[in-house]
Amino acid sequence: MEYTNAVLDHFRNPRNVGELEGANAIGKVGSPSCGDKMEMYLKIEDGIIKDAKFMTFGCAAAISSSSVATELLKGLTIEEALQLTNQRVVEELGGLPEAKIHCSVMVEEAVKAALEDYEERKKQGKA
């Protein structure tokens, strides 16, 4: 399996790893078929994503997809973040092997889950 330099760079030097203190949006997803688990933490203020971190247990594609997504998310509005697709993540990484595309799909799902969590917290007055 051949990975791009961008995938290897984000795998070897992942950006924004760890739990985010003060996160008010948390998305957790997993893929039973491959065993990957992904947690996306966002800190949203005035409708803008001020910070993003992740914790991913998985392969190089899962970790690099999570890493690049956190970089793409910072500074986006909620509406813009909802438009983040797995295709955009794959483009930023210079491609992923076909068998690893599901890792980028998990990132998209984790972001959407985090944003749904944020909306739920807002309704409860906890965001």
N, C-alpha and C. Protein backbone atom coordinates (compact mmCIF):
# COMPACT_ATOMS: atom_id res chain seq x y z
N MET A 1 0.84 -1.17 0.00
CA MET A 1 0.00 0.00 0.00
C MET A 1 0.89 1.24 0.00
N GLU A 2 0.63 2.12 -0.94
CA GLU A 2 1.47 3.30 -1.11
C GLU A 2 0.76 4.53 -0.53
N TYR A 3 1.43 5.21 0.39
CA TYR A 3 0.90 6.45 0.97
C TYR A 3 1.66 7.65 0.41
N THR A 4 0.97 8.79 0.30
CA THR A 4 1.60 10.02 -0.18
C THR A 4 2.50 10.58 0.93
N ASN A 5 3.36 11.50 0.54
CA ASN A 5 4.22 12.17 1.53
C ASN A 5 3.39 12.92 2.56
N ALA A 6 2.28 13.51 2.13
CA ALA A 6 1.42 14.25 3.06
C ALA A 6 0.82 13.31 4.11
N VAL A 7 0.37 12.13 3.68
CA VAL A 7 -0.18 11.15 4.62
C VAL A 7 0.90 10.75 5.63
N LEU A 8 2.08 10.43 5.12
CA LEU A 8 3.17 10.01 6.01
C LEU A 8 3.58 11.12 6.97
N ASP A 9 3.59 12.37 6.49
CA ASP A 9 3.95 13.50 7.35
C ASP A 9 2.94 13.67 8.47
N HIS A 10 1.65 13.64 8.14
CA HIS A 10 0.62 13.80 9.18
C HIS A 10 0.57 12.60 10.11
N PHE A 11 0.95 11.42 9.62
CA PHE A 11 1.00 10.24 10.47
C PHE A 11 2.18 10.32 11.44
N ARG A 12 3.35 10.68 10.93
CA ARG A 12 4.55 10.74 11.76
C ARG A 12 4.58 11.95 12.68
N ASN A 13 3.95 13.05 12.23
CA ASN A 13 3.94 14.31 12.98
C ASN A 13 2.51 14.85 13.05
N PRO A 14 1.62 14.11 13.69
CA PRO A 14 0.22 14.56 13.71
C PRO A 14 0.07 15.91 14.42
N ARG A 15 -0.79 16.73 13.85
CA ARG A 15 -1.08 18.04 14.42
C ARG A 15 -2.32 17.93 15.30
N ASN A 16 -2.32 18.71 16.40
CA ASN A 16 -3.52 18.88 17.23
C ASN A 16 -4.02 17.58 17.86
N VAL A 17 -3.10 16.78 18.40
CA VAL A 17 -3.46 15.52 19.04
C VAL A 17 -3.80 15.77 20.50
N GLY A 18 -4.82 15.08 20.98
CA GLY A 18 -5.15 15.11 22.39
C GLY A 18 -6.54 15.65 22.64
N GLU A 19 -6.97 15.51 23.89
CA GLU A 19 -8.26 16.06 24.27
C GLU A 19 -8.12 17.57 24.36
N LEU A 20 -9.18 18.27 24.03
CA LEU A 20 -9.17 19.73 24.04
C LEU A 20 -9.90 20.22 25.28
N GLU A 21 -9.14 20.85 26.17
CA GLU A 21 -9.74 21.39 27.37
C GLU A 21 -10.71 22.51 26.98
N GLY A 22 -11.89 22.47 27.55
CA GLY A 22 -12.88 23.49 27.23
C GLY A 22 -13.65 23.23 25.95
N ALA A 23 -13.49 22.05 25.37
CA ALA A 23 -14.23 21.73 24.14
C ALA A 23 -15.72 21.78 24.42
N ASN A 24 -16.46 22.40 23.50
CA ASN A 24 -17.91 22.43 23.66
C ASN A 24 -18.62 21.71 22.51
N ALA A 25 -17.83 20.89 21.79
CA ALA A 25 -18.37 20.06 20.73
C ALA A 25 -17.48 18.82 20.63
N ILE A 26 -18.06 17.65 20.88
CA ILE A 26 -17.28 16.42 20.85
C ILE A 26 -18.01 15.38 20.00
N GLY A 27 -17.29 14.85 19.02
CA GLY A 27 -17.85 13.81 18.16
C GLY A 27 -17.02 12.55 18.28
N LYS A 28 -17.69 11.43 18.53
CA LYS A 28 -17.00 10.15 18.66
C LYS A 28 -17.61 9.17 17.67
N VAL A 29 -16.75 8.57 16.85
CA VAL A 29 -17.20 7.57 15.88
C VAL A 29 -16.22 6.41 15.87
N GLY A 30 -16.69 5.30 15.33
CA GLY A 30 -15.83 4.13 15.21
C GLY A 30 -16.24 3.30 14.02
N SER A 31 -15.31 2.50 13.55
CA SER A 31 -15.57 1.61 12.43
C SER A 31 -15.37 0.18 12.89
N PRO A 32 -16.46 -0.53 13.15
CA PRO A 32 -16.35 -1.91 13.63
C PRO A 32 -15.58 -2.81 12.66
N SER A 33 -15.65 -2.51 11.36
CA SER A 33 -15.00 -3.38 10.37
C SER A 33 -13.49 -3.36 10.48
N CYS A 34 -12.91 -2.19 10.87
CA CYS A 34 -11.44 -2.13 10.94
C CYS A 34 -10.93 -1.85 12.34
N GLY A 35 -11.83 -1.51 13.26
CA GLY A 35 -11.41 -1.28 14.64
C GLY A 35 -10.94 0.13 14.93
N ASP A 36 -11.00 1.03 13.94
CA ASP A 36 -10.57 2.42 14.18
C ASP A 36 -11.58 3.13 15.07
N LYS A 37 -11.08 4.01 15.93
CA LYS A 37 -11.91 4.87 16.77
C LYS A 37 -11.40 6.29 16.63
N MET A 38 -12.32 7.24 16.56
CA MET A 38 -11.94 8.63 16.35
C MET A 38 -12.78 9.52 17.25
N GLU A 39 -12.10 10.47 17.90
CA GLU A 39 -12.78 11.48 18.71
C GLU A 39 -12.33 12.84 18.22
N MET A 40 -13.29 13.71 17.90
CA MET A 40 -13.01 15.06 17.42
C MET A 40 -13.50 16.03 18.48
N TYR A 41 -12.61 16.94 18.88
CA TYR A 41 -12.93 17.94 19.89
C TYR A 41 -12.85 19.33 19.26
N LEU A 42 -13.92 20.11 19.43
CA LEU A 42 -13.94 21.46 18.88
C LEU A 42 -14.27 22.46 19.98
N LYS A 43 -13.66 23.63 19.87
CA LYS A 43 -14.00 24.74 20.75
C LYS A 43 -14.58 25.82 19.84
N ILE A 44 -15.88 26.09 20.02
CA ILE A 44 -16.59 27.02 19.16
C ILE A 44 -16.97 28.25 19.97
N GLU A 45 -16.63 29.41 19.43
CA GLU A 45 -16.99 30.68 20.05
C GLU A 45 -17.59 31.57 18.98
N ASP A 46 -18.76 32.13 19.28
CA ASP A 46 -19.44 33.04 18.34
C ASP A 46 -19.60 32.42 16.95
N GLY A 47 -19.89 31.12 16.92
CA GLY A 47 -20.13 30.45 15.65
C GLY A 47 -18.89 30.11 14.85
N ILE A 48 -17.70 30.34 15.43
CA ILE A 48 -16.42 30.07 14.74
C ILE A 48 -15.65 29.00 15.50
N ILE A 49 -15.07 28.08 14.76
CA ILE A 49 -14.24 27.04 15.39
C ILE A 49 -12.88 27.66 15.72
N LYS A 50 -12.65 27.87 17.01
CA LYS A 50 -11.42 28.52 17.47
C LYS A 50 -10.28 27.51 17.63
N ASP A 51 -10.63 26.26 17.95
CA ASP A 51 -9.60 25.24 18.13
C ASP A 51 -10.19 23.87 17.84
N ALA A 52 -9.33 22.96 17.44
CA ALA A 52 -9.75 21.60 17.12
C ALA A 52 -8.63 20.63 17.46
N LYS A 53 -9.00 19.52 18.10
CA LYS A 53 -8.04 18.47 18.41
C LYS A 53 -8.70 17.12 18.18
N PHE A 54 -7.89 16.08 18.14
CA PHE A 54 -8.43 14.75 17.91
C PHE A 54 -7.66 13.71 18.70
N MET A 55 -8.34 12.59 18.94
CA MET A 55 -7.70 11.39 19.47
C MET A 55 -8.19 10.27 18.58
N THR A 56 -7.28 9.62 17.89
CA THR A 56 -7.64 8.54 16.97
C THR A 56 -6.81 7.31 17.26
N PHE A 57 -7.49 6.19 17.35
CA PHE A 57 -6.84 4.90 17.45
C PHE A 57 -7.07 4.24 16.10
N GLY A 58 -6.00 4.10 15.33
CA GLY A 58 -6.18 3.51 14.02
C GLY A 58 -4.91 3.53 13.20
N CYS A 59 -5.09 3.31 11.92
CA CYS A 59 -3.98 3.20 10.98
C CYS A 59 -3.46 4.57 10.56
N ALA A 60 -2.44 4.57 9.73
CA ALA A 60 -1.83 5.82 9.25
C ALA A 60 -2.86 6.70 8.54
N ALA A 61 -3.75 6.11 7.77
CA ALA A 61 -4.76 6.88 7.04
C ALA A 61 -5.74 7.54 8.00
N ALA A 62 -6.14 6.85 9.05
CA ALA A 62 -7.08 7.40 10.03
C ALA A 62 -6.46 8.55 10.79
N ILE A 63 -5.22 8.38 11.23
CA ILE A 63 -4.54 9.41 11.99
C ILE A 63 -4.25 10.62 11.12
N SER A 64 -3.76 10.42 9.91
CA SER A 64 -3.44 11.55 9.04
C SER A 64 -4.72 12.28 8.60
N SER A 65 -5.80 11.55 8.38
CA SER A 65 -7.07 12.19 8.02
C SER A 65 -7.57 13.08 9.17
N SER A 66 -7.46 12.59 10.39
CA SER A 66 -7.87 13.37 11.56
C SER A 66 -7.01 14.61 11.70
N SER A 67 -5.71 14.44 11.54
CA SER A 67 -4.77 15.55 11.69
C SER A 67 -5.05 16.66 10.69
N VAL A 68 -5.21 16.29 9.44
CA VAL A 68 -5.44 17.32 8.41
C VAL A 68 -6.80 17.98 8.62
N ALA A 69 -7.78 17.24 9.08
CA ALA A 69 -9.10 17.82 9.31
C ALA A 69 -9.06 18.90 10.38
N THR A 70 -8.29 18.68 11.45
CA THR A 70 -8.23 19.70 12.50
C THR A 70 -7.62 20.98 11.96
N GLU A 71 -6.65 20.87 11.07
CA GLU A 71 -6.06 22.06 10.47
C GLU A 71 -7.06 22.79 9.58
N LEU A 72 -7.85 22.02 8.84
CA LEU A 72 -8.83 22.63 7.94
C LEU A 72 -9.97 23.29 8.72
N LEU A 73 -10.33 22.76 9.88
CA LEU A 73 -11.48 23.24 10.63
C LEU A 73 -11.24 24.57 11.35
N LYS A 74 -10.04 24.81 11.79
CA LYS A 74 -9.76 26.02 12.58
C LYS A 74 -10.09 27.27 11.77
N GLY A 75 -10.92 28.12 12.37
CA GLY A 75 -11.28 29.38 11.74
C GLY A 75 -12.55 29.31 10.90
N LEU A 76 -13.08 28.11 10.71
CA LEU A 76 -14.30 27.98 9.91
C LEU A 76 -15.54 28.30 10.75
N THR A 77 -16.59 28.76 10.08
CA THR A 77 -17.88 28.88 10.74
C THR A 77 -18.48 27.48 10.84
N ILE A 78 -19.52 27.36 11.63
CA ILE A 78 -20.20 26.07 11.75
C ILE A 78 -20.72 25.63 10.38
N GLU A 79 -21.30 26.58 9.64
CA GLU A 79 -21.84 26.27 8.31
C GLU A 79 -20.74 25.77 7.38
N GLU A 80 -19.58 26.42 7.42
CA GLU A 80 -18.46 26.00 6.58
C GLU A 80 -17.96 24.62 6.99
N ALA A 81 -17.91 24.37 8.30
CA ALA A 81 -17.43 23.08 8.80
C ALA A 81 -18.36 21.95 8.38
N LEU A 82 -19.65 22.24 8.30
CA LEU A 82 -20.60 21.22 7.85
C LEU A 82 -20.37 20.83 6.39
N GLN A 83 -19.68 21.69 5.64
CA GLN A 83 -19.40 21.41 4.23
C GLN A 83 -18.10 20.62 4.04
N LEU A 84 -17.37 20.39 5.13
CA LEU A 84 -16.11 19.64 5.03
C LEU A 84 -16.43 18.19 4.66
N THR A 85 -15.95 17.77 3.51
CA THR A 85 -16.24 16.41 3.04
C THR A 85 -15.01 15.53 3.14
N ASN A 86 -15.25 14.23 3.08
CA ASN A 86 -14.11 13.32 3.09
C ASN A 86 -13.27 13.52 1.82
N GLN A 87 -13.89 13.93 0.72
CA GLN A 87 -13.13 14.18 -0.51
C GLN A 87 -12.12 15.31 -0.31
N ARG A 88 -12.53 16.35 0.44
CA ARG A 88 -11.60 17.46 0.70
C ARG A 88 -10.41 16.98 1.54
N VAL A 89 -10.68 16.13 2.51
CA VAL A 89 -9.61 15.57 3.35
C VAL A 89 -8.65 14.75 2.48
N VAL A 90 -9.22 13.93 1.60
CA VAL A 90 -8.39 13.10 0.70
C VAL A 90 -7.55 14.00 -0.21
N GLU A 91 -8.15 15.06 -0.74
CA GLU A 91 -7.40 16.00 -1.59
C GLU A 91 -6.23 16.62 -0.84
N GLU A 92 -6.47 17.05 0.39
CA GLU A 92 -5.41 17.67 1.20
C GLU A 92 -4.26 16.71 1.45
N LEU A 93 -4.58 15.43 1.51
CA LEU A 93 -3.56 14.40 1.76
C LEU A 93 -2.91 13.92 0.46
N GLY A 94 -3.36 14.44 -0.66
CA GLY A 94 -2.80 14.01 -1.94
C GLY A 94 -3.26 12.62 -2.35
N GLY A 95 -4.37 12.17 -1.76
CA GLY A 95 -4.94 10.87 -2.10
C GLY A 95 -4.75 9.85 -0.99
N LEU A 96 -5.63 8.86 -1.01
CA LEU A 96 -5.55 7.72 -0.10
C LEU A 96 -5.81 6.46 -0.93
N PRO A 97 -5.21 5.35 -0.54
CA PRO A 97 -5.53 4.09 -1.23
C PRO A 97 -7.04 3.81 -1.10
N GLU A 98 -7.62 3.23 -2.12
CA GLU A 98 -9.06 2.96 -2.14
C GLU A 98 -9.53 2.24 -0.87
N ALA A 99 -8.73 1.31 -0.39
CA ALA A 99 -9.10 0.54 0.81
C ALA A 99 -9.09 1.38 2.08
N LYS A 100 -8.57 2.61 2.00
CA LYS A 100 -8.47 3.47 3.19
C LYS A 100 -9.37 4.70 3.13
N ILE A 101 -10.18 4.81 2.08
CA ILE A 101 -11.08 5.96 1.95
C ILE A 101 -12.03 6.05 3.14
N HIS A 102 -12.42 4.90 3.70
CA HIS A 102 -13.35 4.91 4.83
C HIS A 102 -12.80 5.71 6.01
N CYS A 103 -11.48 5.85 6.11
CA CYS A 103 -10.88 6.64 7.20
C CYS A 103 -11.26 8.11 7.06
N SER A 104 -11.26 8.61 5.82
CA SER A 104 -11.64 10.00 5.61
C SER A 104 -13.14 10.18 5.83
N VAL A 105 -13.93 9.16 5.54
CA VAL A 105 -15.37 9.21 5.78
C VAL A 105 -15.63 9.29 7.29
N MET A 106 -14.84 8.56 8.08
CA MET A 106 -14.98 8.62 9.53
C MET A 106 -14.73 10.04 10.04
N VAL A 107 -13.76 10.74 9.45
CA VAL A 107 -13.48 12.12 9.86
C VAL A 107 -14.70 12.99 9.61
N GLU A 108 -15.27 12.87 8.42
CA GLU A 108 -16.47 13.65 8.09
C GLU A 108 -17.57 13.36 9.10
N GLU A 109 -17.76 12.09 9.45
CA GLU A 109 -18.78 11.69 10.42
C GLU A 109 -18.48 12.25 11.81
N ALA A 110 -17.21 12.25 12.20
CA ALA A 110 -16.82 12.75 13.52
C ALA A 110 -17.07 14.26 13.62
N VAL A 111 -16.77 14.99 12.56
CA VAL A 111 -17.00 16.44 12.55
C VAL A 111 -18.50 16.71 12.67
N LYS A 112 -19.30 16.01 11.88
CA LYS A 112 -20.75 16.21 11.93
C LYS A 112 -21.30 15.84 13.31
N ALA A 113 -20.78 14.76 13.91
CA ALA A 113 -21.22 14.36 15.25
C ALA A 113 -20.85 15.43 16.28
N ALA A 114 -19.67 16.03 16.15
CA ALA A 114 -19.26 17.09 17.06
C ALA A 114 -20.17 18.32 16.92
N LEU A 115 -20.50 18.67 15.69
CA LEU A 115 -21.35 19.83 15.47
C LEU A 115 -22.78 19.57 15.95
N GLU A 116 -23.25 18.34 15.83
CA GLU A 116 -24.56 17.98 16.39
C GLU A 116 -24.52 18.07 17.92
N ASP A 117 -23.40 17.63 18.51
CA ASP A 117 -23.22 17.72 19.96
C ASP A 117 -23.26 19.19 20.40
N TYR A 118 -22.62 20.04 19.64
CA TYR A 118 -22.61 21.48 19.95
C TYR A 118 -24.03 22.05 19.93
N GLU A 119 -24.80 21.71 18.90
CA GLU A 119 -26.17 22.21 18.79
C GLU A 119 -27.02 21.72 19.97
N GLU A 120 -26.80 20.47 20.38
CA GLU A 120 -27.53 19.92 21.52
C GLU A 120 -27.15 20.66 22.81
N ARG A 121 -25.86 20.93 22.96
CA ARG A 121 -25.40 21.67 24.15
C ARG A 121 -25.98 23.08 24.18
N LYS A 122 -26.07 23.71 23.00
CA LYS A 122 -26.64 25.06 22.91
C LYS A 122 -28.09 25.05 23.37
N LYS A 123 -28.86 24.05 22.94
CA LYS A 123 -30.26 23.95 23.34
C LYS A 123 -30.39 23.83 24.86
N GLN A 124 -29.42 23.15 25.46
CA GLN A 124 -29.45 22.93 26.92
C GLN A 124 -28.76 24.07 27.66
N GLY A 125 -28.26 25.06 26.94
CA GLY A 125 -27.58 26.18 27.58
C GLY A 125 -26.20 25.83 28.11
N LYS A 126 -25.57 24.80 27.52
CA LYS A 126 -24.27 24.33 28.03
C LYS A 126 -23.13 24.56 27.04
N ALA A 127 -23.39 25.26 25.95
CA ALA A 127 -22.33 25.44 24.92
C ALA A 127 -21.57 26.73 25.16
